[in-house]
């Protein structure tokens, strides 16, 4: 994950952060042999059918 952000201290208790964010996800099945993540029928999340696919996400923080 890469976050290149500008942080502004408003006071001693508060900060404001803004900037771009990028994340790359890659699943390596050889590193996950015998682990829960290889059993996609038990994961139950919105992306359980694509957990083994590489993904890229970009946005703002």
N, C-alpha and C. Protein backbone atom coordinates (compact mmCIF):
# COMPACT_ATOMS: atom_id res chain seq x y z
N UNK A 1 0.84 -1.15 0.00
CA UNK A 1 0.00 0.00 0.00
C UNK A 1 0.89 1.23 0.00
N UNK A 2 0.51 2.22 -0.78
CA UNK A 2 1.24 3.47 -0.85
C UNK A 2 0.26 4.61 -0.58
N UNK A 3 0.58 5.44 0.41
CA UNK A 3 -0.22 6.61 0.73
C UNK A 3 0.70 7.81 0.75
N UNK A 4 0.61 8.65 -0.25
CA UNK A 4 1.39 9.90 -0.29
C UNK A 4 0.45 11.01 0.14
N UNK A 5 0.50 11.36 1.42
CA UNK A 5 -0.51 12.27 1.95
C UNK A 5 0.11 13.48 2.63
N UNK A 6 -0.68 14.52 2.71
CA UNK A 6 -0.33 15.73 3.42
C UNK A 6 -1.08 15.71 4.75
N UNK A 7 -0.36 15.81 5.85
CA UNK A 7 -0.98 15.81 7.18
C UNK A 7 -0.84 17.19 7.80
N UNK A 8 -1.97 17.71 8.27
CA UNK A 8 -2.00 19.03 8.89
C UNK A 8 -2.45 18.87 10.34
N UNK A 9 -1.65 19.35 11.27
CA UNK A 9 -2.02 19.33 12.68
C UNK A 9 -2.89 20.54 12.97
N UNK A 10 -4.15 20.30 13.32
CA UNK A 10 -5.08 21.38 13.61
C UNK A 10 -4.85 21.90 15.03
N UNK A 11 -4.74 20.99 15.96
CA UNK A 11 -4.37 21.30 17.34
C UNK A 11 -3.69 20.06 17.91
N UNK A 12 -3.47 20.03 19.21
CA UNK A 12 -2.73 18.91 19.79
C UNK A 12 -3.48 17.57 19.69
N UNK A 13 -4.79 17.60 19.51
CA UNK A 13 -5.59 16.37 19.49
C UNK A 13 -6.12 16.00 18.12
N UNK A 14 -6.05 16.88 17.15
CA UNK A 14 -6.67 16.63 15.85
C UNK A 14 -5.68 16.84 14.70
N UNK A 15 -5.80 15.96 13.71
CA UNK A 15 -5.03 16.12 12.47
C UNK A 15 -5.96 15.95 11.28
N UNK A 16 -5.55 16.48 10.17
CA UNK A 16 -6.29 16.37 8.91
C UNK A 16 -5.32 15.80 7.88
N UNK A 17 -5.72 14.73 7.20
CA UNK A 17 -4.87 14.07 6.22
C UNK A 17 -5.60 13.98 4.88
N UNK A 18 -4.91 14.31 3.80
CA UNK A 18 -5.50 14.20 2.47
C UNK A 18 -4.41 13.81 1.48
N UNK A 19 -4.77 12.93 0.52
CA UNK A 19 -3.82 12.53 -0.50
C UNK A 19 -4.26 11.27 -1.23
N UNK A 20 -3.50 10.85 -2.24
CA UNK A 20 -3.83 9.65 -3.00
C UNK A 20 -3.39 8.39 -2.27
N UNK A 21 -4.06 7.27 -2.60
CA UNK A 21 -3.72 5.98 -2.00
C UNK A 21 -3.76 4.92 -3.10
N UNK A 22 -2.84 3.96 -3.03
CA UNK A 22 -2.78 2.88 -4.01
C UNK A 22 -2.45 1.57 -3.29
N UNK A 23 -3.14 0.50 -3.66
CA UNK A 23 -2.88 -0.81 -3.07
C UNK A 23 -2.90 -1.88 -4.15
N UNK A 24 -1.95 -2.80 -4.11
CA UNK A 24 -1.88 -3.94 -5.02
C UNK A 24 -1.98 -5.21 -4.20
N UNK A 25 -2.86 -6.12 -4.60
CA UNK A 25 -3.07 -7.38 -3.90
C UNK A 25 -2.75 -8.53 -4.84
N UNK A 26 -1.95 -9.47 -4.38
CA UNK A 26 -1.63 -10.66 -5.16
C UNK A 26 -1.70 -11.87 -4.25
N UNK A 27 -2.44 -12.88 -4.66
CA UNK A 27 -2.60 -14.11 -3.89
C UNK A 27 -1.66 -15.17 -4.45
N UNK A 28 -0.81 -15.72 -3.60
CA UNK A 28 0.10 -16.78 -4.00
C UNK A 28 -0.34 -18.08 -3.33
N UNK A 29 -0.95 -19.01 -4.08
CA UNK A 29 -1.47 -20.24 -3.47
C UNK A 29 -0.40 -21.11 -2.82
N UNK A 30 0.84 -21.02 -3.30
CA UNK A 30 1.89 -21.86 -2.70
C UNK A 30 2.25 -21.38 -1.30
N UNK A 31 2.05 -20.09 -1.02
CA UNK A 31 2.30 -19.57 0.33
C UNK A 31 1.14 -19.83 1.28
N UNK A 32 0.01 -20.30 0.77
CA UNK A 32 -1.19 -20.46 1.59
C UNK A 32 -1.73 -21.88 1.61
N UNK A 33 -0.89 -22.86 1.34
CA UNK A 33 -1.31 -24.26 1.36
C UNK A 33 -1.82 -24.63 2.75
N UNK A 34 -3.03 -25.21 2.78
CA UNK A 34 -3.63 -25.65 4.04
C UNK A 34 -4.26 -24.57 4.88
N UNK A 35 -4.32 -23.34 4.38
CA UNK A 35 -4.89 -22.23 5.15
C UNK A 35 -6.35 -21.99 4.77
N UNK A 36 -7.04 -21.31 5.67
CA UNK A 36 -8.46 -21.01 5.51
C UNK A 36 -8.76 -20.28 4.20
N UNK A 37 -7.90 -19.40 3.76
CA UNK A 37 -8.15 -18.59 2.56
C UNK A 37 -8.26 -19.44 1.30
N UNK A 38 -7.71 -20.63 1.30
CA UNK A 38 -7.84 -21.52 0.14
C UNK A 38 -9.20 -22.19 0.05
N UNK A 39 -9.99 -22.16 1.10
CA UNK A 39 -11.32 -22.76 1.09
C UNK A 39 -12.35 -21.65 0.86
N UNK A 40 -12.55 -21.27 -0.41
CA UNK A 40 -13.39 -20.12 -0.75
C UNK A 40 -14.84 -20.29 -0.35
N UNK A 41 -15.33 -21.51 -0.21
CA UNK A 41 -16.73 -21.71 0.19
C UNK A 41 -16.97 -21.32 1.65
N UNK A 42 -15.93 -21.23 2.46
CA UNK A 42 -16.06 -20.85 3.87
C UNK A 42 -15.79 -19.37 4.13
N UNK A 43 -15.22 -18.67 3.16
CA UNK A 43 -14.85 -17.27 3.39
C UNK A 43 -16.09 -16.41 3.61
N UNK A 44 -17.07 -16.47 2.70
CA UNK A 44 -18.33 -15.78 2.88
C UNK A 44 -18.29 -14.27 2.72
N UNK A 45 -17.29 -13.71 2.08
CA UNK A 45 -17.26 -12.27 1.85
C UNK A 45 -17.70 -11.97 0.42
N UNK A 46 -17.86 -10.69 0.12
CA UNK A 46 -18.34 -10.29 -1.21
C UNK A 46 -17.37 -10.68 -2.32
N UNK A 47 -16.10 -10.84 -2.03
CA UNK A 47 -15.13 -11.18 -3.07
C UNK A 47 -14.55 -12.59 -2.91
N UNK A 48 -15.27 -13.48 -2.25
CA UNK A 48 -14.75 -14.83 -2.00
C UNK A 48 -14.50 -15.62 -3.28
N UNK A 49 -15.20 -15.28 -4.36
CA UNK A 49 -15.00 -15.99 -5.63
C UNK A 49 -13.79 -15.46 -6.40
N UNK A 50 -13.29 -14.29 -6.01
CA UNK A 50 -12.14 -13.70 -6.72
C UNK A 50 -10.94 -13.48 -5.80
N UNK A 51 -10.91 -14.13 -4.65
CA UNK A 51 -9.83 -13.92 -3.69
C UNK A 51 -8.48 -14.36 -4.25
N UNK A 52 -8.49 -15.25 -5.22
CA UNK A 52 -7.24 -15.74 -5.80
C UNK A 52 -6.78 -14.93 -7.01
N UNK A 53 -7.46 -13.84 -7.31
CA UNK A 53 -7.10 -12.98 -8.44
C UNK A 53 -6.32 -11.76 -7.95
N UNK A 54 -5.40 -11.27 -8.76
CA UNK A 54 -4.67 -10.04 -8.43
C UNK A 54 -5.61 -8.85 -8.56
N UNK A 55 -5.45 -7.86 -7.66
CA UNK A 55 -6.33 -6.71 -7.65
C UNK A 55 -5.53 -5.44 -7.40
N UNK A 56 -6.04 -4.32 -7.93
CA UNK A 56 -5.46 -3.02 -7.69
C UNK A 56 -6.57 -2.07 -7.25
N UNK A 57 -6.26 -1.24 -6.27
CA UNK A 57 -7.23 -0.27 -5.77
C UNK A 57 -6.55 1.08 -5.69
N UNK A 58 -7.26 2.11 -6.08
CA UNK A 58 -6.76 3.48 -5.98
C UNK A 58 -7.87 4.37 -5.46
N UNK A 59 -7.48 5.39 -4.73
CA UNK A 59 -8.48 6.31 -4.18
C UNK A 59 -7.83 7.44 -3.42
N UNK A 60 -8.63 8.07 -2.57
CA UNK A 60 -8.17 9.19 -1.75
C UNK A 60 -8.31 8.86 -0.28
N UNK A 61 -7.39 9.39 0.51
CA UNK A 61 -7.53 9.30 1.96
C UNK A 61 -7.67 10.70 2.51
